[in-house]
PDB file of N, CA and C in Angstrom:
ATOM      1  N   MET A   1      31.338  72.146 150.464  1.00  0.00           N
ATOM      2  CA  MET A   1      30.736  71.013 151.082  1.00  0.00           C
ATOM      3  C   MET A   1      30.419  71.360 152.453  1.00  0.00           C
ATOM      4  N   ASN A   2      29.195  71.042 152.874  1.00  0.00           N
ATOM      5  CA  ASN A   2      28.632  71.197 154.172  1.00  0.00           C
ATOM      6  C   ASN A   2      29.312  70.169 155.204  1.00  0.00           C
ATOM      7  N   SER A   3      29.968  70.743 156.129  1.00  0.00           N
ATOM      8  CA  SER A   3      30.650  69.850 157.162  1.00  0.00           C
ATOM      9  C   SER A   3      29.707  69.083 158.036  1.00  0.00           C
ATOM     10  N   GLN A   4      28.487  69.439 158.114  1.00  0.00           N
ATOM     11  CA  GLN A   4      27.556  68.670 158.928  1.00  0.00           C
ATOM     12  C   GLN A   4      26.815  67.660 158.252  1.00  0.00           C
ATOM     13  N   THR A   5      26.468  67.848 156.967  1.00  0.00           N
ATOM     14  CA  THR A   5      25.697  66.995 156.202  1.00  0.00           C
ATOM     15  C   THR A   5      26.445  66.209 155.106  1.00  0.00           C
ATOM     16  N   GLY A   6      27.593  66.723 154.683  1.00  0.00           N
ATOM     17  CA  GLY A   6      28.362  66.209 153.697  1.00  0.00           C
ATOM     18  C   GLY A   6      27.983  66.516 152.282  1.00  0.00           C
ATOM     19  N   GLU A   7      26.826  67.351 152.169  1.00  0.00           N
ATOM     20  CA  GLU A   7      26.300  67.743 150.898  1.00  0.00           C
ATOM     21  C   GLU A   7      27.197  68.827 150.200  1.00  0.00           C
ATOM     22  N   LYS A   8      27.302  68.713 148.886  1.00  0.00           N
ATOM     23  CA  LYS A   8      28.043  69.708 148.167  1.00  0.00           C
ATOM     24  C   LYS A   8      27.171  71.022 148.039  1.00  0.00           C
ATOM     25  N   SER A   9      27.785  72.089 148.052  1.00  0.00           N
ATOM     26  CA  SER A   9      27.096  73.340 147.934  1.00  0.00           C
ATOM     27  C   SER A   9      26.672  73.472 146.476  1.00  0.00           C
ATOM     28  N   GLY A  10      25.542  74.126 146.229  1.00  0.00           N
ATOM     29  CA  GLY A  10      25.009  74.384 144.951  1.00  0.00           C
ATOM     30  C   GLY A  10      25.639  75.630 144.318  1.00  0.00           C
ATOM     31  N   THR A  11      26.408  76.389 145.055  1.00  0.00           N
ATOM     32  CA  THR A  11      26.907  77.645 144.585  1.00  0.00           C
ATOM     33  C   THR A  11      28.034  77.344 143.566  1.00  0.00           C
ATOM     34  N   MET A  12      27.967  78.041 142.467  1.00  0.00           N
ATOM     35  CA  MET A  12      29.006  77.896 141.479  1.00  0.00           C
ATOM     36  C   MET A  12      29.725  79.265 141.322  1.00  0.00           C
ATOM     37  N   LEU A  13      30.942  79.254 141.009  1.00  0.00           N
ATOM     38  CA  LEU A  13      31.709  80.453 140.761  1.00  0.00           C
ATOM     39  C   LEU A  13      31.680  80.726 139.245  1.00  0.00           C
ATOM     40  N   ALA A  14      31.215  81.896 138.840  1.00  0.00           N
ATOM     41  CA  ALA A  14      31.228  82.247 137.482  1.00  0.00           C
ATOM     42  C   ALA A  14      32.684  82.528 137.054  1.00  0.00           C
ATOM     43  N   GLU A  15      32.941  82.202 135.806  1.00  0.00           N
ATOM     44  CA  GLU A  15      34.282  82.455 135.321  1.00  0.00           C
ATOM     45  C   GLU A  15      34.350  83.923 134.987  1.00  0.00           C
ATOM     46  N   CYS A  16      35.180  84.719 135.479  1.00  0.00           N
ATOM     47  CA  CYS A  16      35.279  86.133 135.237  1.00  0.00           C
ATOM     48  C   CYS A  16      36.410  86.419 134.191  1.00  0.00           C
ATOM     49  N   LYS A  17      36.065  87.284 133.264  1.00  0.00           N
ATOM     50  CA  LYS A  17      37.036  87.649 132.244  1.00  0.00           C
ATOM     51  C   LYS A  17      37.209  89.217 132.349  1.00  0.00           C
ATOM     52  N   TRP A  18      38.385  89.600 132.469  1.00  0.00           N
ATOM     53  CA  TRP A  18      38.636  91.040 132.542  1.00  0.00           C
ATOM     54  C   TRP A  18      38.597  91.686 131.147  1.00  0.00           C
ATOM     55  N   GLU A  19      37.820  92.721 131.019  1.00  0.00           N
ATOM     56  CA  GLU A  19      37.730  93.356 129.732  1.00  0.00           C
ATOM     57  C   GLU A  19      38.141  94.834 129.948  1.00  0.00           C
ATOM     58  N   PRO A  20      39.024  95.395 129.163  1.00  0.00           N
ATOM     59  CA  PRO A  20      39.379  96.683 129.313  1.00  0.00           C
ATOM     60  C   PRO A  20      38.273  97.602 129.099  1.00  0.00           C
ATOM     61  N   PRO A  21      38.211  98.801 129.730  1.00  0.00           N
ATOM     62  CA  PRO A  21      37.130  99.735 129.638  1.00  0.00           C
ATOM     63  C   PRO A  21      37.047 100.214 128.197  1.00  0.00           C
ATOM     64  N   GLU A  22      35.865 100.541 127.820  1.00  0.00           N
ATOM     65  CA  GLU A  22      35.538 101.107 126.524  1.00  0.00           C
ATOM     66  C   GLU A  22      36.290 102.516 126.252  1.00  0.00           C
ATOM     67  N   VAL A  23      36.778 102.626 125.150  1.00  0.00           N
ATOM     68  CA  VAL A  23      37.423 103.953 124.871  1.00  0.00           C
ATOM     69  C   VAL A  23      36.495 104.594 123.900  1.00  0.00           C
ATOM     70  N   VAL A  24      36.257 105.851 124.203  1.00  0.00           N
ATOM     71  CA  VAL A  24      35.396 106.644 123.270  1.00  0.00           C
ATOM     72  C   VAL A  24      36.258 107.743 122.585  1.00  0.00           C
ATOM     73  N   ALA A  25      36.236 107.836 121.330  1.00  0.00           N
ATOM     74  CA  ALA A  25      37.003 108.725 120.578  1.00  0.00           C
ATOM     75  C   ALA A  25      36.575 110.165 120.818  1.00  0.00           C
ATOM     76  N   ALA A  26      37.479 111.127 120.975  1.00  0.00           N
ATOM     77  CA  ALA A  26      37.081 112.552 121.192  1.00  0.00           C
ATOM     78  C   ALA A  26      36.441 113.078 120.034  1.00  0.00           C
ATOM     79  N   PRO A  27      35.575 114.027 120.155  1.00  0.00           N
ATOM     80  CA  PRO A  27      34.865 114.671 119.001  1.00  0.00           C
ATOM     81  C   PRO A  27      35.839 115.522 118.287  1.00  0.00           C
ATOM     82  N   GLU A  28      35.377 115.898 117.066  1.00  0.00           N
ATOM     83  CA  GLU A  28      36.185 116.895 116.240  1.00  0.00           C
ATOM     84  C   GLU A  28      35.312 118.125 116.103  1.00  0.00           C
ATOM     85  N   ILE A  29      36.033 119.289 116.357  1.00  0.00           N
ATOM     86  CA  ILE A  29      35.488 120.662 116.382  1.00  0.00           C
ATOM     87  C   ILE A  29      35.955 121.337 115.077  1.00  0.00           C
ATOM     88  N   SER A  30      35.020 121.845 114.274  1.00  0.00           N
ATOM     89  CA  SER A  30      35.387 122.509 113.062  1.00  0.00           C
ATOM     90  C   SER A  30      34.692 123.851 112.855  1.00  0.00           C
ATOM     91  N   GLY A  31      35.468 124.734 112.241  1.00  0.00           N
ATOM     92  CA  GLY A  31      34.948 126.102 111.980  1.00  0.00           C
ATOM     93  C   GLY A  31      36.138 126.970 111.549  1.00  0.00           C
ATOM     94  N   THR A  32      35.932 128.123 110.995  1.00  0.00           N
ATOM     95  CA  THR A  32      36.919 128.940 110.514  1.00  0.00           C
ATOM     96  C   THR A  32      37.455 129.832 111.599  1.00  0.00           C
ATOM     97  N   THR A  33      38.784 129.965 111.734  1.00  0.00           N
ATOM     98  CA  THR A  33      39.478 130.819 112.738  1.00  0.00           C
ATOM     99  C   THR A  33      40.831 131.171 112.132  1.00  0.00           C
ATOM    100  N   PRO A  34      41.135 132.451 112.159  1.00  0.00           N
ATOM    101  CA  PRO A  34      40.280 133.565 112.628  1.00  0.00           C
ATOM    102  C   PRO A  34      39.209 133.965 111.769  1.00  0.00           C
ATOM    103  N   PHE A  35      38.159 134.688 112.226  1.00  0.00           N
ATOM    104  CA  PHE A  35      37.011 135.073 111.482  1.00  0.00           C
ATOM    105  C   PHE A  35      36.787 136.607 111.709  1.00  0.00           C
ATOM    106  N   SER A  36      36.082 137.201 110.698  1.00  0.00           N
ATOM    107  CA  SER A  36      35.895 138.568 110.855  1.00  0.00           C
ATOM    108  C   SER A  36      34.470 139.086 111.434  1.00  0.00           C
ATOM    109  N   GLU A  37      33.389 138.504 110.995  1.00  0.00           N
ATOM    110  CA  GLU A  37      32.101 138.716 111.539  1.00  0.00           C
ATOM    111  C   GLU A  37      31.581 137.672 112.464  1.00  0.00           C
ATOM    112  N   SER A  38      31.498 136.466 111.937  1.00  0.00           N
ATOM    113  CA  SER A  38      31.128 135.309 112.645  1.00  0.00           C
ATOM    114  C   SER A  38      31.655 133.997 112.074  1.00  0.00           C
ATOM    115  N   THR A  39      31.532 132.936 112.746  1.00  0.00           N
ATOM    116  CA  THR A  39      31.886 131.709 112.145  1.00  0.00           C
ATOM    117  C   THR A  39      30.932 130.553 112.601  1.00  0.00           C
ATOM    118  N   GLU A  40      30.665 129.575 111.781  1.00  0.00           N
ATOM    119  CA  GLU A  40      29.801 128.457 112.091  1.00  0.00           C
ATOM    120  C   GLU A  40      30.722 127.324 112.634  1.00  0.00           C
ATOM    121  N   VAL A  41      30.278 126.821 113.767  1.00  0.00           N
ATOM    122  CA  VAL A  41      31.014 125.746 114.496  1.00  0.00           C
ATOM    123  C   VAL A  41      30.196 124.459 114.356  1.00  0.00           C
ATOM    124  N   SER A  42      30.858 123.407 113.949  1.00  0.00           N
ATOM    125  CA  SER A  42      30.255 122.185 113.916  1.00  0.00           C
ATOM    126  C   SER A  42      31.102 121.153 114.733  1.00  0.00           C
ATOM    127  N   ILE A  43      30.411 120.178 115.279  1.00  0.00           N
ATOM    128  CA  ILE A  43      31.153 119.097 116.164  1.00  0.00           C
ATOM    129  C   ILE A  43      30.589 117.787 115.758  1.00  0.00           C
ATOM    130  N   SER A  44      31.599 116.875 115.445  1.00  0.00           N
ATOM    131  CA  SER A  44      31.190 115.526 115.071  1.00  0.00           C
ATOM    132  C   SER A  44      31.857 114.554 116.010  1.00  0.00           C
ATOM    133  N   GLY A  45      31.230 113.389 116.277  1.00  0.00           N
ATOM    134  CA  GLY A  45      31.749 112.457 117.168  1.00  0.00           C
ATOM    135  C   GLY A  45      31.401 110.976 116.740  1.00  0.00           C
ATOM    136  N   PRO A  46      31.840 110.030 117.535  1.00  0.00           N
ATOM    137  CA  PRO A  46      31.551 108.550 117.137  1.00  0.00           C
ATOM    138  C   PRO A  46      30.099 108.342 116.985  1.00  0.00           C
ATOM    139  N   ASN A  47      29.675 107.415 116.139  1.00  0.00           N
ATOM    140  CA  ASN A  47      28.411 106.988 115.962  1.00  0.00           C
ATOM    141  C   ASN A  47      27.709 106.573 117.304  1.00  0.00           C
ATOM    142  N   GLY A  48      26.531 106.973 117.577  1.00  0.00           N
ATOM    143  CA  GLY A  48      25.853 106.537 118.814  1.00  0.00           C
ATOM    144  C   GLY A  48      26.237 107.275 120.117  1.00  0.00           C
ATOM    145  N   ALA A  49      27.153 108.201 119.935  1.00  0.00           N
ATOM    146  CA  ALA A  49      27.592 108.989 121.076  1.00  0.00           C
ATOM    147  C   ALA A  49      26.853 110.338 121.127  1.00  0.00           C
ATOM    148  N   GLU A  50      26.600 110.851 122.355  1.00  0.00           N
ATOM    149  CA  GLU A  50      26.030 112.172 122.459  1.00  0.00           C
ATOM    150  C   GLU A  50      27.245 113.085 122.629  1.00  0.00           C
ATOM    151  N   ILE A  51      27.174 114.393 122.143  1.00  0.00           N
ATOM    152  CA  ILE A  51      28.192 115.268 122.296  1.00  0.00           C
ATOM    153  C   ILE A  51      27.650 116.346 123.300  1.00  0.00           C
ATOM    154  N   ARG A  52      28.523 116.742 124.259  1.00  0.00           N
ATOM    155  CA  ARG A  52      28.240 117.815 125.165  1.00  0.00           C
ATOM    156  C   ARG A  52      29.402 118.829 125.029  1.00  0.00           C
ATOM    157  N   TYR A  53      29.072 120.179 125.009  1.00  0.00           N
ATOM    158  CA  TYR A  53      30.056 121.195 124.859  1.00  0.00           C
ATOM    159  C   TYR A  53      29.868 122.436 125.635  1.00  0.00           C
ATOM    160  N   THR A  54      30.920 123.174 125.771  1.00  0.00           N
ATOM    161  CA  THR A  54      30.877 124.516 126.316  1.00  0.00           C
ATOM    162  C   THR A  54      31.544 125.526 125.441  1.00  0.00           C
ATOM    163  N   THR A  55      31.265 126.801 125.598  1.00  0.00           N
ATOM    164  CA  THR A  55      31.860 127.856 124.701  1.00  0.00           C
ATOM    165  C   THR A  55      32.591 128.867 125.642  1.00  0.00           C
ATOM    166  N   ASP A  56      32.688 128.610 126.908  1.00  0.00           N
ATOM    167  CA  ASP A  56      33.397 129.537 127.808  1.00  0.00           C
ATOM    168  C   ASP A  56      34.744 129.076 128.239  1.00  0.00           C
ATOM    169  N   GLY A  57      35.163 128.030 127.564  1.00  0.00           N
ATOM    170  CA  GLY A  57      36.525 127.498 127.907  1.00  0.00           C
ATOM    171  C   GLY A  57      36.620 126.445 129.082  1.00  0.00           C
ATOM    172  N   SER A  58      35.429 126.302 129.732  1.00  0.00           N
ATOM    173  CA  SER A  58      35.413 125.326 130.892  1.00  0.00           C
ATOM    174  C   SER A  58      35.251 123.907 130.283  1.00  0.00           C
ATOM    175  N   ASN A  59      35.727 122.917 131.140  1.00  0.00           N
ATOM    176  CA  ASN A  59      35.622 121.580 130.623  1.00  0.00           C
ATOM    177  C   ASN A  59      34.163 121.030 130.651  1.00  0.00           C
ATOM    178  N   PRO A  60      33.656 120.405 129.583  1.00  0.00           N
ATOM    179  CA  PRO A  60      32.262 120.005 129.597  1.00  0.00           C
ATOM    180  C   PRO A  60      32.095 118.722 130.398  1.00  0.00           C
ATOM    181  N   THR A  61      30.848 118.634 130.841  1.00  0.00           N
ATOM    182  CA  THR A  61      30.413 117.456 131.732  1.00  0.00           C
ATOM    183  C   THR A  61      29.232 116.860 131.025  1.00  0.00           C
ATOM    184  N   ALA A  62      28.622 115.704 131.596  1.00  0.00           N
ATOM    185  CA  ALA A  62      27.452 115.095 131.093  1.00  0.00           C
ATOM    186  C   ALA A  62      26.241 116.131 131.301  1.00  0.00           C
ATOM    187  N   GLU A  63      26.413 117.162 132.055  1.00  0.00           N
ATOM    188  CA  GLU A  63      25.366 118.172 132.156  1.00  0.00           C
ATOM    189  C   GLU A  63      25.458 119.341 131.305  1.00  0.00           C
ATOM    190  N   SER A  64      26.505 119.473 130.555  1.00  0.00           N
ATOM    191  CA  SER A  64      26.769 120.616 129.626  1.00  0.00           C
ATOM    192  C   SER A  64      25.785 120.517 128.449  1.00  0.00           C
ATOM    193  N   THR A  65      25.811 121.597 127.684  1.00  0.00           N
ATOM    194  CA  THR A  65      24.855 121.777 126.553  1.00  0.00           C
ATOM    195  C   THR A  65      25.002 120.588 125.582  1.00  0.00           C
ATOM    196  N   LEU A  66      23.876 120.011 125.175  1.00  0.00           N
ATOM    197  CA  LEU A  66      23.815 118.878 124.297  1.00  0.00           C
ATOM    198  C   LEU A  66      23.940 119.470 122.841  1.00  0.00           C
ATOM    199  N   TYR A  67      24.950 119.014 122.101  1.00  0.00           N
ATOM    200  CA  TYR A  67      25.060 119.458 120.707  1.00  0.00           C
ATOM    201  C   TYR A  67      24.075 118.782 119.829  1.00  0.00           C
ATOM    202  N   SER A  68      23.290 119.569 119.031  1.00  0.00           N
ATOM    203  CA  SER A  68      22.368 119.023 118.065  1.00  0.00           C
ATOM    204  C   SER A  68      22.395 119.629 116.732  1.00  0.00           C
ATOM    205  N   ALA A  69      23.099 120.790 116.591  1.00  0.00           N
ATOM    206  CA  ALA A  69      23.190 121.331 115.217  1.00  0.00           C
ATOM    207  C   ALA A  69      24.353 122.439 115.270  1.00  0.00           C
ATOM    208  N   ALA A  70      24.865 122.774 114.170  1.00  0.00           N
ATOM    209  CA  ALA A  70      26.006 123.795 114.014  1.00  0.00           C
ATOM    210  C   ALA A  70      25.484 125.055 114.686  1.00  0.00           C
ATOM    211  N   PHE A  71      26.377 125.815 115.240  1.00  0.00           N
ATOM    212  CA  PHE A  71      26.075 127.078 115.855  1.00  0.00           C
ATOM    213  C   PHE A  71      27.055 128.204 115.508  1.00  0.00           C
ATOM    214  N   SER A  72      26.641 129.485 115.590  1.00  0.00           N
ATOM    215  CA  SER A  72      27.530 130.568 115.259  1.00  0.00           C
ATOM    216  C   SER A  72      28.146 131.200 116.432  1.00  0.00           C
ATOM    217  N   LEU A  73      29.382 131.660 116.259  1.00  0.00           N
ATOM    218  CA  LEU A  73      30.005 132.460 117.220  1.00  0.00           C
ATOM    219  C   LEU A  73      30.394 133.817 116.573  1.00  0.00           C
ATOM    220  N   SER A  74      30.199 134.832 117.368  1.00  0.00           N
ATOM    221  CA  SER A  74      30.569 136.219 116.754  1.00  0.00           C
ATOM    222  C   SER A  74      31.544 136.866 117.545  1.00  0.00           C
ATOM    223  N   ALA A  75      32.116 136.192 118.604  1.00  0.00           N
ATOM    224  CA  ALA A  75      33.162 136.749 119.403  1.00  0.00           C
ATOM    225  C   ALA A  75      34.161 135.659 119.623  1.00  0.00           C
ATOM    226  N   THR A  76      35.402 135.984 120.056  1.00  0.00           N
ATOM    227  CA  THR A  76      36.413 135.028 120.372  1.00  0.00           C
ATOM    228  C   THR A  76      35.927 134.121 121.545  1.00  0.00           C
ATOM    229  N   ALA A  77      36.134 132.793 121.265  1.00  0.00           N
ATOM    230  CA  ALA A  77      35.673 131.805 122.232  1.00  0.00           C
ATOM    231  C   ALA A  77      36.450 130.490 122.115  1.00  0.00           C
ATOM    232  N   THR A  78      36.539 129.752 123.228  1.00  0.00           N
ATOM    233  CA  THR A  78      37.164 128.470 123.183  1.00  0.00           C
ATOM    234  C   THR A  78      35.983 127.454 123.388  1.00  0.00           C
ATOM    235  N   VAL A  79      35.818 126.581 122.385  1.00  0.00           N
ATOM    236  CA  VAL A  79      34.861 125.530 122.388  1.00  0.00           C
ATOM    237  C   VAL A  79      35.494 124.324 122.873  1.00  0.00           C
ATOM    238  N   LYS A  80      34.889 123.642 123.841  1.00  0.00           N
ATOM    239  CA  LYS A  80      35.408 122.358 124.352  1.00  0.00           C
ATOM    240  C   LYS A  80      34.317 121.313 124.243  1.00  0.00           C
ATOM    241  N   ALA A  81      34.572 120.115 123.852  1.00  0.00           N
ATOM    242  CA  ALA A  81      33.477 119.157 123.771  1.00  0.00           C
ATOM    243  C   ALA A  81      33.995 117.605 124.180  1.00  0.00           C
ATOM    244  N   ILE A  82      33.064 116.850 124.555  1.00  0.00           N
ATOM    245  CA  ILE A  82      33.201 115.525 124.915  1.00  0.00           C
ATOM    246  C   ILE A  82      32.257 114.668 124.210  1.00  0.00           C
ATOM    247  N   ALA A  83      32.521 113.394 123.852  1.00  0.00           N
ATOM    248  CA  ALA A  83      31.606 112.484 123.426  1.00  0.00           C
ATOM    249  C   ALA A  83      31.277 111.468 124.565  1.00  0.00           C
ATOM    250  N   ILE A  84      30.061 111.107 124.729  1.00  0.00           N
ATOM    251  CA  ILE A  84      29.687 110.214 125.681  1.00  0.00           C
ATOM    252  C   ILE A  84      28.887 108.971 125.147  1.00  0.00           C
ATOM    253  N   LYS A  85      29.293 107.821 125.390  1.00  0.00           N
ATOM    254  CA  LYS A  85      28.723 106.621 124.824  1.00  0.00           C
ATOM    255  C   LYS A  85      28.672 105.549 125.827  1.00  0.00           C
ATOM    256  N   ASN A  86      27.571 104.976 126.157  1.00  0.00           N
ATOM    257  CA  ASN A  86      27.369 103.996 127.146  1.00  0.00           C
ATOM    258  C   ASN A  86      27.994 104.310 128.493  1.00  0.00           C
ATOM    259  N   GLY A  87      27.759 105.614 128.932  1.00  0.00           N
ATOM    260  CA  GLY A  87      28.236 106.081 130.186  1.00  0.00           C
ATOM    261  C   GLY A  87      29.646 106.462 130.234  1.00  0.00           C
ATOM    262  N   VAL A  88      30.465 106.214 129.138  1.00  0.00           N
ATOM    263  CA  VAL A  88      31.868 106.493 129.139  1.00  0.00           C
ATOM    264  C   VAL A  88      32.125 107.745 128.330  1.00  0.00           C
ATOM    265  N   SER A  89      32.952 108.615 128.953  1.00  0.00           N
ATOM    266  CA  SER A  89      33.302 109.938 128.306  1.00  0.00           C
ATOM    267  C   SER A  89      34.586 109.838 127.570  1.00  0.00           C
ATOM    268  N   SER A  90      34.755 110.587 126.586  1.00  0.00           N
ATOM    269  CA  SER A  90      35.977 110.790 125.866  1.00  0.00           C
ATOM    270  C   SER A  90      36.897 111.813 126.471  1.00  0.00           C
ATOM    271  N   GLU A  91      38.044 111.932 125.919  1.00  0.00           N
ATOM    272  CA  GLU A  91      38.914 113.017 126.391  1.00  0.00           C
ATOM    273  C   GLU A  91      38.313 114.354 125.863  1.00  0.00           C
ATOM    274  N   VAL A  92      38.609 115.527 126.368  1.00  0.00           N
ATOM    275  CA  VAL A  92      38.143 116.724 125.995  1.00  0.00           C
ATOM    276  C   VAL A  92      38.826 117.205 124.687  1.00  0.00           C
ATOM    277  N   ALA A  93      37.917 117.529 123.707  1.00  0.00           N
ATOM    278  CA  ALA A  93      38.514 118.250 122.444  1.00  0.00           C
ATOM    279  C   ALA A  93      38.360 119.724 122.698  1.00  0.00           C
ATOM    280  N   SER A  94      39.258 120.497 122.158  1.00  0.00           N
ATOM    281  CA  SER A  94      39.264 121.928 122.314  1.00  0.00           C
ATOM    282  C   SER A  94      39.762 122.675 121.101  1.00  0.00           C
ATOM    283  N   LYS A  95      39.048 123.754 120.767  1.00  0.00           N
ATOM    284  CA  LYS A  95      39.488 124.560 119.662  1.00  0.00           C
ATOM    285  C   LYS A  95      39.108 126.077 119.996  1.00  0.00           C
ATOM    286  N   THR A  96      40.088 126.932 119.846  1.00  0.00           N
ATOM    287  CA  THR A  96      39.791 128.435 120.061  1.00  0.00           C
ATOM    288  C   THR A  96      39.475 129.121 118.805  1.00  0.00           C
ATOM    289  N   PHE A  97      38.426 129.834 118.718  1.00  0.00           N
ATOM    290  CA  PHE A  97      38.006 130.670 117.590  1.00  0.00           C
ATOM    291  C   PHE A  97      38.223 132.049 117.874  1.00  0.00           C
ATOM    292  N   THR A  98      39.070 132.729 117.035  1.00  0.00           N
ATOM    293  CA  THR A  98      39.473 134.126 117.322  1.00  0.00           C
ATOM    294  C   THR A  98      38.906 135.051 116.374  1.00  0.00           C
ATOM    295  N   LYS A  99      38.159 136.125 116.870  1.00  0.00           N
ATOM    296  CA  LYS A  99      37.638 137.172 115.937  1.00  0.00           C
ATOM    297  C   LYS A  99      38.796 138.142 115.658  1.00  0.00           C
ATOM    298  N   SER A 100      38.843 138.477 114.350  1.00  0.00           N
ATOM    299  CA  SER A 100      39.871 139.383 113.886  1.00  0.00           C
ATOM    300  C   SER A 100      39.408 140.818 114.266  1.00  0.00           C
ATOM    301  N   GLU A 101      40.395 141.729 114.607  1.00  0.00           N
ATOM    302  CA  GLU A 101      40.039 142.989 114.910  1.00  0.00           C
ATOM    303  C   GLU A 101      40.025 143.868 113.767  1.00  0.00           C
TER     304      GLU A 101
END
């Protein structure tokens, strides 16, 4: 209310409802380990999510390699991946693939 004119303010307060942040499921990394020559690695994640991954053991970010198809490894490596949906990242999934000697 305006103390000088007695008019009510036209401002309304919107009702705010707290919603928990969206949770994105971590992707699944699959492939054979240990392997002798090479192994094919595939990564799957929630519908509508993009998958980002690394093969050097570092944690992936939104700028990491975008997963689009299965890929081959011919040396021991740790693959880590995240799923990103609506700007929310999943926990990091990790799998080490070991080449047999």
